[in-house]
């Protein structure tokens, strides 16, 4: 039996896909191996196929690309304020925020 890896980094999973694809392992088998090690929620076989296509088209970067769009409003200051409010009143719930 294999040891499962909980909450893997996306780039790590993509590196495994890149490696197995280079060894000519088909998408269904790659997905099966990913599920075996990372669990059911790792990624769909469709996403595995998408990454294989990108690697076959010459992509070598396994990291997320920068995307344009609305910037995140979450920052360290906001996290600190939320934590402070939670500590002030342990009865707080997420709905109360």
C-alpha atoms as a PDB file:
ATOM      1  CA  UNK A   1       0.000   0.000   0.000  1.00  0.00           C
ATOM      2  CA  UNK A   2       1.138   3.521  -0.745  1.00  0.00           C
ATOM      3  CA  UNK A   3       1.240   6.438   1.618  1.00  0.00           C
ATOM      4  CA  UNK A   4      -1.313   9.066   0.596  1.00  0.00           C
ATOM      5  CA  UNK A   5      -0.344  12.715   0.381  1.00  0.00           C
ATOM      6  CA  UNK A   6      -3.023  15.071   1.667  1.00  0.00           C
ATOM      7  CA  UNK A   7      -3.387  18.561   0.208  1.00  0.00           C
ATOM      8  CA  UNK A   8      -0.634  18.408  -2.416  1.00  0.00           C
ATOM      9  CA  UNK A   9       0.729  21.513  -4.099  1.00  0.00           C
ATOM     10  CA  UNK A  10      -0.756  22.018  -7.558  1.00  0.00           C
ATOM     11  CA  UNK A  11       2.697  22.374  -9.090  1.00  0.00           C
ATOM     12  CA  UNK A  12       3.733  19.054  -7.568  1.00  0.00           C
ATOM     13  CA  UNK A  13       0.762  17.257  -9.116  1.00  0.00           C
ATOM     14  CA  UNK A  14       1.465  18.906 -12.467  1.00  0.00           C
ATOM     15  CA  UNK A  15       5.105  17.813 -12.241  1.00  0.00           C
ATOM     16  CA  UNK A  16       3.961  14.211 -11.822  1.00  0.00           C
ATOM     17  CA  UNK A  17       1.691  14.598 -14.868  1.00  0.00           C
ATOM     18  CA  UNK A  18       4.582  16.066 -16.876  1.00  0.00           C
ATOM     19  CA  UNK A  19       6.894  13.217 -15.844  1.00  0.00           C
ATOM     20  CA  UNK A  20       4.419  10.411 -16.545  1.00  0.00           C
ATOM     21  CA  UNK A  21       3.401  12.007 -19.841  1.00  0.00           C
ATOM     22  CA  UNK A  22       7.070  12.076 -20.870  1.00  0.00           C
ATOM     23  CA  UNK A  23       7.101   8.318 -20.216  1.00  0.00           C
ATOM     24  CA  UNK A  24       4.081   7.981 -22.582  1.00  0.00           C
ATOM     25  CA  UNK A  25       1.648   6.983 -19.838  1.00  0.00           C
ATOM     26  CA  UNK A  26      -1.922   7.655 -21.003  1.00  0.00           C
ATOM     27  CA  UNK A  27      -4.173  10.201 -19.287  1.00  0.00           C
ATOM     28  CA  UNK A  28      -6.476   7.651 -17.649  1.00  0.00           C
ATOM     29  CA  UNK A  29      -3.546   5.815 -16.081  1.00  0.00           C
ATOM     30  CA  UNK A  30      -1.950   9.084 -14.916  1.00  0.00           C
ATOM     31  CA  UNK A  31      -5.251  10.046 -13.300  1.00  0.00           C
ATOM     32  CA  UNK A  32      -5.515   6.628 -11.661  1.00  0.00           C
ATOM     33  CA  UNK A  33      -2.037   6.980 -10.181  1.00  0.00           C
ATOM     34  CA  UNK A  34      -2.750  10.515  -8.968  1.00  0.00           C
ATOM     35  CA  UNK A  35      -5.921   9.354  -7.213  1.00  0.00           C
ATOM     36  CA  UNK A  36      -4.035   6.447  -5.660  1.00  0.00           C
ATOM     37  CA  UNK A  37      -1.482   8.767  -4.055  1.00  0.00           C
ATOM     38  CA  UNK A  38      -3.310  12.089  -3.609  1.00  0.00           C
ATOM     39  CA  UNK A  39      -6.894  10.928  -3.071  1.00  0.00           C
ATOM     40  CA  UNK A  40     -10.193  11.304  -4.922  1.00  0.00           C
ATOM     41  CA  UNK A  41     -10.209  15.111  -4.970  1.00  0.00           C
ATOM     42  CA  UNK A  42      -6.839  15.589  -6.666  1.00  0.00           C
ATOM     43  CA  UNK A  43      -8.061  16.566 -10.160  1.00  0.00           C
ATOM     44  CA  UNK A  44     -10.378  15.209 -12.819  1.00  0.00           C
ATOM     45  CA  UNK A  45      -9.199  13.098 -15.735  1.00  0.00           C
ATOM     46  CA  UNK A  46     -10.313  15.982 -17.976  1.00  0.00           C
ATOM     47  CA  UNK A  47      -7.901  18.327 -16.221  1.00  0.00           C
ATOM     48  CA  UNK A  48      -5.145  15.739 -16.563  1.00  0.00           C
ATOM     49  CA  UNK A  49      -5.839  15.675 -20.304  1.00  0.00           C
ATOM     50  CA  UNK A  50      -5.762  19.480 -20.420  1.00  0.00           C
ATOM     51  CA  UNK A  51      -2.331  19.559 -18.754  1.00  0.00           C
ATOM     52  CA  UNK A  52      -1.042  16.817 -21.053  1.00  0.00           C
ATOM     53  CA  UNK A  53      -2.140  18.872 -24.075  1.00  0.00           C
ATOM     54  CA  UNK A  54      -0.364  21.938 -22.696  1.00  0.00           C
ATOM     55  CA  UNK A  55       2.837  19.987 -22.027  1.00  0.00           C
ATOM     56  CA  UNK A  56       2.679  18.400 -25.487  1.00  0.00           C
ATOM     57  CA  UNK A  57       2.269  21.902 -26.950  1.00  0.00           C
ATOM     58  CA  UNK A  58       5.560  22.929 -25.350  1.00  0.00           C
ATOM     59  CA  UNK A  59       4.621  24.225 -21.927  1.00  0.00           C
ATOM     60  CA  UNK A  60       7.355  23.518 -19.396  1.00  0.00           C
ATOM     61  CA  UNK A  61       6.171  25.623 -16.449  1.00  0.00           C
ATOM     62  CA  UNK A  62       4.132  23.698 -13.879  1.00  0.00           C
ATOM     63  CA  UNK A  63       3.272  26.821 -11.863  1.00  0.00           C
ATOM     64  CA  UNK A  64       0.118  28.921 -12.237  1.00  0.00           C
ATOM     65  CA  UNK A  65       0.407  31.767 -14.683  1.00  0.00           C
ATOM     66  CA  UNK A  66      -0.363  35.292 -13.548  1.00  0.00           C
ATOM     67  CA  UNK A  67      -3.923  36.238 -14.379  1.00  0.00           C
ATOM     68  CA  UNK A  68      -5.483  39.595 -14.813  1.00  0.00           C
ATOM     69  CA  UNK A  69      -8.642  40.410 -13.010  1.00  0.00           C
ATOM     70  CA  UNK A  70      -9.876  41.732  -9.763  1.00  0.00           C
ATOM     71  CA  UNK A  71      -7.147  41.673  -7.130  1.00  0.00           C
ATOM     72  CA  UNK A  72      -7.760  39.885  -3.863  1.00  0.00           C
ATOM     73  CA  UNK A  73      -8.978  42.033  -0.996  1.00  0.00           C
ATOM     74  CA  UNK A  74      -7.491  39.659   1.559  1.00  0.00           C
ATOM     75  CA  UNK A  75      -4.237  40.863   3.042  1.00  0.00           C
ATOM     76  CA  UNK A  76      -2.317  40.355   6.283  1.00  0.00           C
ATOM     77  CA  UNK A  77      -4.009  43.333   7.923  1.00  0.00           C
ATOM     78  CA  UNK A  78      -7.496  42.001   7.216  1.00  0.00           C
ATOM     79  CA  UNK A  79      -6.568  38.545   8.486  1.00  0.00           C
ATOM     80  CA  UNK A  80      -5.183  40.078  11.681  1.00  0.00           C
ATOM     81  CA  UNK A  81      -8.390  42.096  12.225  1.00  0.00           C
ATOM     82  CA  UNK A  82     -10.586  39.032  11.735  1.00  0.00           C
ATOM     83  CA  UNK A  83      -8.457  36.992  14.135  1.00  0.00           C
ATOM     84  CA  UNK A  84      -8.640  39.811  16.681  1.00  0.00           C
ATOM     85  CA  UNK A  85     -12.447  39.928  16.456  1.00  0.00           C
ATOM     86  CA  UNK A  86     -12.668  36.163  16.860  1.00  0.00           C
ATOM     87  CA  UNK A  87     -10.473  36.275  19.959  1.00  0.00           C
ATOM     88  CA  UNK A  88     -12.605  39.087  21.437  1.00  0.00           C
ATOM     89  CA  UNK A  89     -15.777  37.027  21.146  1.00  0.00           C
ATOM     90  CA  UNK A  90     -15.346  33.251  20.914  1.00  0.00           C
ATOM     91  CA  UNK A  91     -19.089  33.001  20.185  1.00  0.00           C
ATOM     92  CA  UNK A  92     -18.452  34.519  16.718  1.00  0.00           C
ATOM     93  CA  UNK A  93     -19.351  32.471  13.682  1.00  0.00           C
ATOM     94  CA  UNK A  94     -18.411  33.006  10.053  1.00  0.00           C
ATOM     95  CA  UNK A  95     -21.913  34.312   9.417  1.00  0.00           C
ATOM     96  CA  UNK A  96     -21.396  37.038  11.981  1.00  0.00           C
ATOM     97  CA  UNK A  97     -18.462  38.442  10.042  1.00  0.00           C
END
